[in-house]
Amino acid sequence: MNAKSEKLLETALLFNSASEIERICNFIHSEVKRRGVRGVVIGLSGGLDSTTCAYLCARCLPADQIHLFSLPERDSSSVTHSHAQMVARALGLPLEEKNLSDIFNQLGLYDQVSPELAKNRPVLERAIGILRWLSGSPALYPWAQEYAFSRRHGFLGWILRRKLWTYAATTEKFIFGKVRTRMLVLSTKAMQMDCLMVCTTDRSEWSVGFYDPHGDGVGDIAPLCHLYKTQIRELARALGVADEILQQPSSGDLAAGLPNEIAIGLSYEQLDRVLAGMSLGMEDAEIAAEAGVKNSVVKSIRAACKLADERRSMPIGIKAGR
């Protein structure tokens, strides 16, 4: 890695928090006005992204136009739930809570995952570790996505699809069912209240497809989709977000408070540097050296980004004839 390449990466991730806050606030305010709606709806999990969105909205909209919803369920982390309550108090905004456990139960999302298993983080981390060992890839999520969408074949892919499909399907239903149901509740609330639904997904997760296009990728505005996770942490610090939230590992809050970085297989610092290098057109070897990862990891992140682009083009249809 030469000094010039290193300087390019630093520049790509550098931004001015104050001016960015102003820019995002102007965007939120102008969209609410342009659409002629009564405000915004935010699913406040207590995590970094949703908290940052709430703080930004509180800067540019009247309190009566901001509607915060907490959607806990059987497997929710008590820590992030308390963080959501803390954020609402800090902003002086009401927080409406709706427990989704009954809905999840009716949909069968809990059928094959006991509460004991869902809260057993060592077991979940061990299972992820086994998959990582089998795959030979430290960047687990991109690898898993390629198998899920039949981009890889081979012996392990055959085992996963033919022999372990029952377990894979249960996991898929458990994870994506929760995410999609949450967003259905929020989007319905937004429609009923004549508000914009805020999508809180960030650029890091959006780029590699670490979200569900039918779930947490849904919304009317996405104030953070142009910023990497590490940039959002800096932005949140400038907004005055509490240290407890800044230091809490980001999580989808689906089971045992499992951090996203464990599922992804990379730290957000590494992922953001890889993505920044890719955006600059750098070679894989240069990116790997600067981000502190293997060349194969950079290659898998590129594949994940390509697959994420394909997923965003769905649904796929037939071109109309003349």
Protein backbone atom coordinates (compact mmCIF):
# COMPACT_ATOMS: atom_id res chain seq x y z
CA MET A 1 0.00 0.00 0.00
CA ASN A 2 1.52 3.30 -1.04
CA ALA A 3 0.93 6.62 0.67
CA LYS A 4 -1.20 7.89 -2.22
CA SER A 5 -3.67 4.99 -1.97
CA GLU A 6 -3.84 5.34 1.80
CA LYS A 7 -4.61 9.04 1.41
CA LEU A 8 -7.41 8.23 -1.05
CA LEU A 9 -9.09 5.89 1.43
CA GLU A 10 -8.85 8.40 4.26
CA THR A 11 -10.36 11.08 2.03
CA ALA A 12 -13.20 8.80 0.92
CA LEU A 13 -14.31 8.24 4.52
CA LEU A 14 -13.71 11.80 5.68
CA PHE A 15 -16.69 14.13 6.03
CA ASN A 16 -17.81 17.18 7.98
CA SER A 17 -20.36 16.15 10.62
CA ALA A 18 -21.89 19.61 11.06
CA SER A 19 -22.50 20.21 7.36
CA GLU A 20 -23.77 16.65 6.89
CA ILE A 21 -26.26 17.07 9.73
CA GLU A 22 -27.53 20.24 8.10
CA ARG A 23 -27.76 18.56 4.69
CA ILE A 24 -29.71 15.57 6.00
CA CYS A 25 -32.04 17.74 8.06
CA ASN A 26 -32.79 19.87 5.01
CA PHE A 27 -33.53 16.69 3.07
CA ILE A 28 -35.92 15.33 5.70
CA HIS A 29 -37.73 18.64 6.13
CA SER A 30 -38.05 19.23 2.39
CA GLU A 31 -39.38 15.71 1.74
CA VAL A 32 -42.05 16.03 4.42
CA LYS A 33 -43.08 19.37 2.94
CA ARG A 34 -42.87 18.21 -0.69
CA ARG A 35 -45.00 15.14 -0.04
CA GLY A 36 -47.52 17.11 1.98
CA VAL A 37 -47.59 14.54 4.80
CA ARG A 38 -48.10 14.93 8.53
CA GLY A 39 -44.66 13.79 9.64
CA VAL A 40 -42.50 10.67 9.91
CA VAL A 41 -42.68 7.22 11.47
CA ILE A 42 -39.49 5.66 12.85
CA GLY A 43 -39.02 2.14 14.16
CA LEU A 44 -36.77 2.90 17.13
CA SER A 45 -34.83 -0.22 18.04
CA GLY A 46 -32.36 1.57 20.30
CA GLY A 47 -29.52 0.81 17.90
CA LEU A 48 -27.17 3.31 16.27
CA ASP A 49 -28.94 3.82 12.94
CA SER A 50 -32.51 4.25 14.18
CA THR A 51 -31.32 6.45 17.06
CA THR A 52 -29.39 8.69 14.67
CA CYS A 53 -32.47 9.01 12.46
CA ALA A 54 -34.58 10.00 15.47
CA TYR A 55 -32.05 12.65 16.53
CA LEU A 56 -31.91 14.06 13.00
CA CYS A 57 -35.70 14.25 12.71
CA ALA A 58 -35.90 15.94 16.11
CA ARG A 59 -33.62 18.69 14.76
CA CYS A 60 -35.74 19.57 11.75
CA LEU A 61 -39.36 18.64 12.54
CA PRO A 62 -41.84 19.67 15.24
CA ALA A 63 -42.32 17.10 17.98
CA ASP A 64 -45.91 16.37 16.90
CA GLN A 65 -44.64 15.27 13.47
CA ILE A 66 -42.29 12.58 14.83
CA HIS A 67 -43.80 9.21 15.73
CA LEU A 68 -41.50 6.69 17.38
CA PHE A 69 -42.44 3.02 17.62
CA SER A 70 -40.73 0.30 19.65
CA LEU A 71 -41.57 -3.23 18.50
CA PRO A 72 -40.17 -5.68 21.07
CA GLU A 73 -40.87 -9.41 20.93
CA ARG A 74 -39.99 -12.63 22.74
CA ASP A 75 -36.31 -12.60 21.76
CA SER A 76 -35.61 -8.87 21.97
CA SER A 77 -32.61 -7.61 23.89
CA SER A 78 -33.56 -5.82 27.10
CA VAL A 79 -30.51 -3.58 26.58
CA THR A 80 -31.54 -2.19 23.20
CA HIS A 81 -35.14 -1.90 24.39
CA SER A 82 -34.01 0.25 27.32
CA HIS A 83 -31.88 2.27 24.89
CA ALA A 84 -34.96 3.03 22.79
CA GLN A 85 -36.76 4.30 25.88
CA MET A 86 -33.72 6.36 26.83
CA VAL A 87 -33.59 7.98 23.37
CA ALA A 88 -37.27 8.91 23.49
CA ARG A 89 -36.80 10.51 26.92
CA ALA A 90 -33.71 12.39 25.79
CA LEU A 91 -35.60 13.83 22.81
CA GLY A 92 -38.75 14.49 24.79
CA LEU A 93 -40.82 12.41 22.37
CA PRO A 94 -43.52 9.81 23.09
CA LEU A 95 -42.64 6.21 22.31
CA GLU A 96 -45.44 3.85 21.36
CA GLU A 97 -44.66 0.23 22.17
CA LYS A 98 -46.29 -2.72 20.45
CA ASN A 99 -45.14 -6.21 21.40
CA LEU A 100 -45.08 -8.43 18.32
CA SER A 101 -44.70 -11.79 20.09
CA ASP A 102 -48.31 -12.85 19.49
CA ILE A 103 -48.13 -11.94 15.80
CA PHE A 104 -44.83 -13.79 15.37
CA ASN A 105 -46.30 -16.79 17.14
CA GLN A 106 -49.39 -16.80 14.91
CA LEU A 107 -47.16 -16.68 11.84
CA GLY A 108 -45.22 -19.70 13.10
CA LEU A 109 -41.93 -17.86 13.41
CA TYR A 110 -41.27 -19.36 16.84
CA ASP A 111 -42.31 -22.91 15.93
CA GLN A 112 -38.87 -24.52 15.68
CA VAL A 113 -36.76 -22.00 17.61
CA SER A 114 -37.23 -22.19 21.34
CA PRO A 115 -36.69 -19.09 23.50
CA GLU A 116 -33.79 -20.91 25.17
CA LEU A 117 -32.03 -21.40 21.83
CA ALA A 118 -32.84 -17.89 20.61
CA LYS A 119 -31.20 -16.43 23.71
CA ASN A 120 -28.20 -18.78 23.72
CA ARG A 121 -25.53 -16.60 22.13
CA PRO A 122 -22.61 -19.07 22.62
CA VAL A 123 -24.53 -21.73 20.64
CA LEU A 124 -25.38 -19.28 17.86
CA GLU A 125 -21.80 -18.04 17.64
CA ARG A 126 -20.55 -21.63 17.57
CA ALA A 127 -22.90 -22.47 14.69
CA ILE A 128 -21.65 -19.43 12.77
CA GLY A 129 -18.08 -20.48 13.51
CA ILE A 130 -18.72 -23.95 12.09
CA LEU A 131 -20.16 -22.47 8.90
CA ARG A 132 -17.20 -20.13 8.63
CA TRP A 133 -14.82 -23.06 9.01
CA LEU A 134 -16.69 -25.10 6.39
CA SER A 135 -16.76 -22.21 3.96
CA GLY A 136 -13.15 -21.24 4.48
CA SER A 137 -14.24 -17.60 4.29
CA PRO A 138 -13.93 -15.15 7.19
CA ALA A 139 -16.51 -12.93 5.46
CA LEU A 140 -19.41 -15.28 6.21
CA TYR A 141 -22.43 -13.25 5.09
CA PRO A 142 -21.29 -12.65 1.48
CA TRP A 143 -20.47 -16.35 1.22
CA ALA A 144 -23.89 -17.35 2.60
CA GLN A 145 -25.66 -14.99 0.20
CA GLU A 146 -23.96 -16.60 -2.77
CA TYR A 147 -25.18 -20.02 -1.68
CA ALA A 148 -28.67 -18.75 -0.88
CA PHE A 149 -29.04 -17.36 -4.41
CA SER A 150 -27.37 -20.36 -6.09
CA ARG A 151 -24.27 -18.47 -7.15
CA ARG A 152 -22.03 -21.22 -5.79
CA HIS A 153 -22.35 -24.93 -6.23
CA GLY A 154 -19.80 -27.52 -5.15
CA PHE A 155 -20.12 -30.16 -2.44
CA LEU A 156 -20.86 -27.83 0.48
CA GLY A 157 -23.52 -26.02 -1.51
CA TRP A 158 -25.15 -29.36 -2.31
CA ILE A 159 -25.15 -30.33 1.38
CA LEU A 160 -26.69 -27.02 2.43
CA ARG A 161 -29.42 -27.12 -0.20
CA ARG A 162 -30.25 -30.84 -0.18
CA LYS A 163 -29.42 -32.17 3.28
CA LEU A 164 -29.65 -29.15 5.58
CA TRP A 165 -32.48 -27.28 3.86
CA THR A 166 -34.87 -27.90 6.77
CA TYR A 167 -32.55 -26.03 9.12
CA ALA A 168 -31.76 -23.34 6.55
CA ALA A 169 -35.46 -22.77 5.81
CA THR A 170 -36.25 -22.52 9.53
CA THR A 171 -33.49 -19.96 9.99
CA GLU A 172 -34.64 -17.99 6.95
CA LYS A 173 -38.25 -17.93 8.15
CA PHE A 174 -37.18 -16.97 11.66
CA ILE A 175 -34.97 -14.06 10.55
CA PHE A 176 -36.73 -12.63 7.51
CA GLY A 177 -40.19 -13.28 8.91
CA LYS A 178 -39.39 -11.06 11.89
CA VAL A 179 -37.87 -8.29 9.79
CA ARG A 180 -40.71 -8.24 7.26
CA THR A 181 -43.44 -8.28 9.90
CA ARG A 182 -41.83 -5.38 11.74
CA MET A 183 -41.78 -3.32 8.57
CA LEU A 184 -45.35 -4.28 7.69
CA VAL A 185 -46.47 -2.92 11.07
CA LEU A 186 -44.47 0.29 10.62
CA SER A 187 -45.55 0.89 7.02
CA THR A 188 -49.18 0.35 7.98
CA LYS A 189 -48.82 2.82 10.85
CA ALA A 190 -47.23 5.34 8.49
CA MET A 191 -50.07 4.95 6.00
CA GLN A 192 -52.72 5.34 8.71
CA MET A 193 -51.05 8.45 10.10
CA ASP A 194 -50.31 9.99 6.69
CA CYS A 195 -46.57 9.97 7.42
CA LEU A 196 -43.35 9.03 5.68
CA MET A 197 -41.77 5.81 6.88
CA VAL A 198 -38.07 6.25 7.61
CA CYS A 199 -35.75 3.54 6.30
CA THR A 200 -32.75 3.46 8.67
CA THR A 201 -30.43 1.24 6.59
CA ASP A 202 -26.88 2.58 6.13
CA ARG A 203 -24.55 2.45 3.14
CA SER A 204 -22.38 -0.35 4.55
CA GLU A 205 -25.29 -2.77 4.90
CA TRP A 206 -27.05 -1.51 1.77
CA SER A 207 -23.94 -2.09 -0.36
CA VAL A 208 -23.43 -5.75 0.59
CA GLY A 209 -27.14 -6.57 0.88
CA PHE A 210 -27.10 -7.04 4.65
CA TYR A 211 -30.79 -6.20 4.84
CA ASP A 212 -34.05 -7.51 3.44
CA PRO A 213 -35.47 -5.60 0.43
CA HIS A 214 -38.94 -6.57 1.65
CA GLY A 215 -38.11 -5.75 5.27
CA ASP A 216 -35.64 -3.24 6.68
CA GLY A 217 -34.97 -1.96 3.15
CA VAL A 218 -38.52 -0.62 2.93
CA GLY A 219 -39.34 3.04 3.48
CA ASP A 220 -40.22 6.39 1.95
CA ILE A 221 -36.98 8.19 2.83
CA ALA A 222 -33.54 6.81 3.69
CA PRO A 223 -31.55 9.60 5.40
CA LEU A 224 -28.48 7.43 6.11
CA CYS A 225 -28.18 5.31 2.98
CA HIS A 226 -25.30 7.43 1.66
CA LEU A 227 -23.17 7.09 4.81
CA TYR A 228 -21.03 4.18 5.96
CA LYS A 229 -21.56 2.76 9.45
CA THR A 230 -18.35 4.28 10.80
CA GLN A 231 -19.42 7.69 9.46
CA ILE A 232 -22.82 7.35 11.12
CA ARG A 233 -21.14 6.65 14.45
CA GLU A 234 -19.23 9.90 14.05
CA LEU A 235 -22.40 11.72 13.02
CA ALA A 236 -24.24 10.35 16.08
CA ARG A 237 -21.46 11.54 18.35
CA ALA A 238 -21.82 15.06 16.91
CA LEU A 239 -25.58 14.88 17.49
CA GLY A 240 -25.05 14.11 21.18
CA VAL A 241 -26.15 10.46 21.16
CA ALA A 242 -25.34 8.74 24.47
CA ASP A 243 -22.12 6.75 24.80
CA GLU A 244 -24.07 3.60 25.70
CA ILE A 245 -25.53 3.54 22.21
CA LEU A 246 -22.32 4.64 20.46
CA GLN A 247 -20.41 1.79 22.09
CA GLN A 248 -23.12 -0.87 21.69
CA PRO A 249 -22.34 -3.28 18.80
CA SER A 250 -24.87 -2.92 15.98
CA SER A 251 -27.39 -5.75 15.89
CA GLY A 252 -30.56 -6.72 14.06
CA ASP A 253 -31.95 -7.72 17.48
CA LEU A 254 -33.24 -11.03 16.13
CA ALA A 255 -31.72 -13.44 18.62
CA ALA A 256 -29.42 -13.16 21.65
CA GLY A 257 -28.41 -9.63 20.67
CA LEU A 258 -26.02 -11.18 18.14
CA PRO A 259 -23.82 -8.38 16.70
CA ASN A 260 -23.96 -7.83 12.95
CA GLU A 261 -20.17 -8.00 12.72
CA ILE A 262 -20.23 -11.66 13.78
CA ALA A 263 -22.74 -12.51 11.06
CA ILE A 264 -20.90 -10.45 8.45
CA GLY A 265 -17.50 -11.79 9.45
CA LEU A 266 -15.79 -8.39 9.37
CA SER A 267 -15.67 -5.35 11.58
CA TYR A 268 -17.46 -2.31 10.20
CA GLU A 269 -14.12 -0.50 10.10
CA GLN A 270 -12.75 -3.19 7.77
CA LEU A 271 -15.93 -3.40 5.71
CA ASP A 272 -16.12 0.36 5.24
CA ARG A 273 -12.52 0.57 4.12
CA VAL A 274 -13.08 -2.24 1.62
CA LEU A 275 -16.21 -0.54 0.27
CA ALA A 276 -14.50 2.85 0.13
CA GLY A 277 -11.62 1.34 -1.81
CA MET A 278 -14.01 -0.30 -4.24
CA SER A 279 -15.83 3.01 -4.78
CA LEU A 280 -12.48 4.56 -5.71
CA GLY A 281 -11.69 1.83 -8.24
CA MET A 282 -8.71 0.51 -6.30
CA GLU A 283 -7.26 -2.94 -6.98
CA ASP A 284 -8.12 -5.81 -4.63
CA ALA A 285 -4.55 -6.16 -3.36
CA GLU A 286 -4.39 -2.47 -2.43
CA ILE A 287 -7.73 -2.59 -0.66
CA ALA A 288 -6.83 -5.77 1.23
CA ALA A 289 -3.55 -4.30 2.46
CA GLU A 290 -5.18 -1.10 3.72
CA ALA A 291 -8.24 -2.77 5.25
CA GLY A 292 -6.23 -5.54 6.90
CA VAL A 293 -8.07 -8.40 5.19
CA LYS A 294 -7.26 -11.13 2.68
CA ASN A 295 -7.65 -10.64 -1.06
CA SER A 296 -10.31 -13.35 -1.03
CA VAL A 297 -12.38 -11.27 1.39
CA VAL A 298 -12.32 -8.27 -0.94
CA LYS A 299 -13.36 -10.56 -3.78
CA SER A 300 -16.29 -11.91 -1.73
CA ILE A 301 -17.40 -8.37 -0.83
CA ARG A 302 -17.39 -7.45 -4.52
CA ALA A 303 -19.56 -10.50 -5.24
CA ALA A 304 -21.93 -9.53 -2.42
CA CYS A 305 -22.28 -6.00 -3.80
CA LYS A 306 -23.08 -7.38 -7.26
CA LEU A 307 -25.68 -9.74 -5.83
CA ALA A 308 -27.18 -6.90 -3.77
CA ASP A 309 -27.58 -4.87 -6.97
CA GLU A 310 -29.37 -7.81 -8.59
CA ARG A 311 -31.74 -8.18 -5.62
CA ARG A 312 -32.60 -4.49 -5.84
CA SER A 313 -33.69 -5.00 -9.44
CA MET A 314 -36.39 -7.47 -8.40
CA PRO A 315 -39.10 -8.32 -9.23
CA ILE A 316 -37.90 -9.55 -12.59
CA GLY A 317 -40.46 -9.47 -15.37
CA ILE A 318 -40.77 -10.21 -19.07
CA LYS A 319 -40.14 -7.37 -21.47
CA ALA A 320 -43.25 -6.21 -23.23
CA GLY A 321 -43.57 -7.04 -26.90
CA ARG A 322 -44.24 -4.51 -29.60
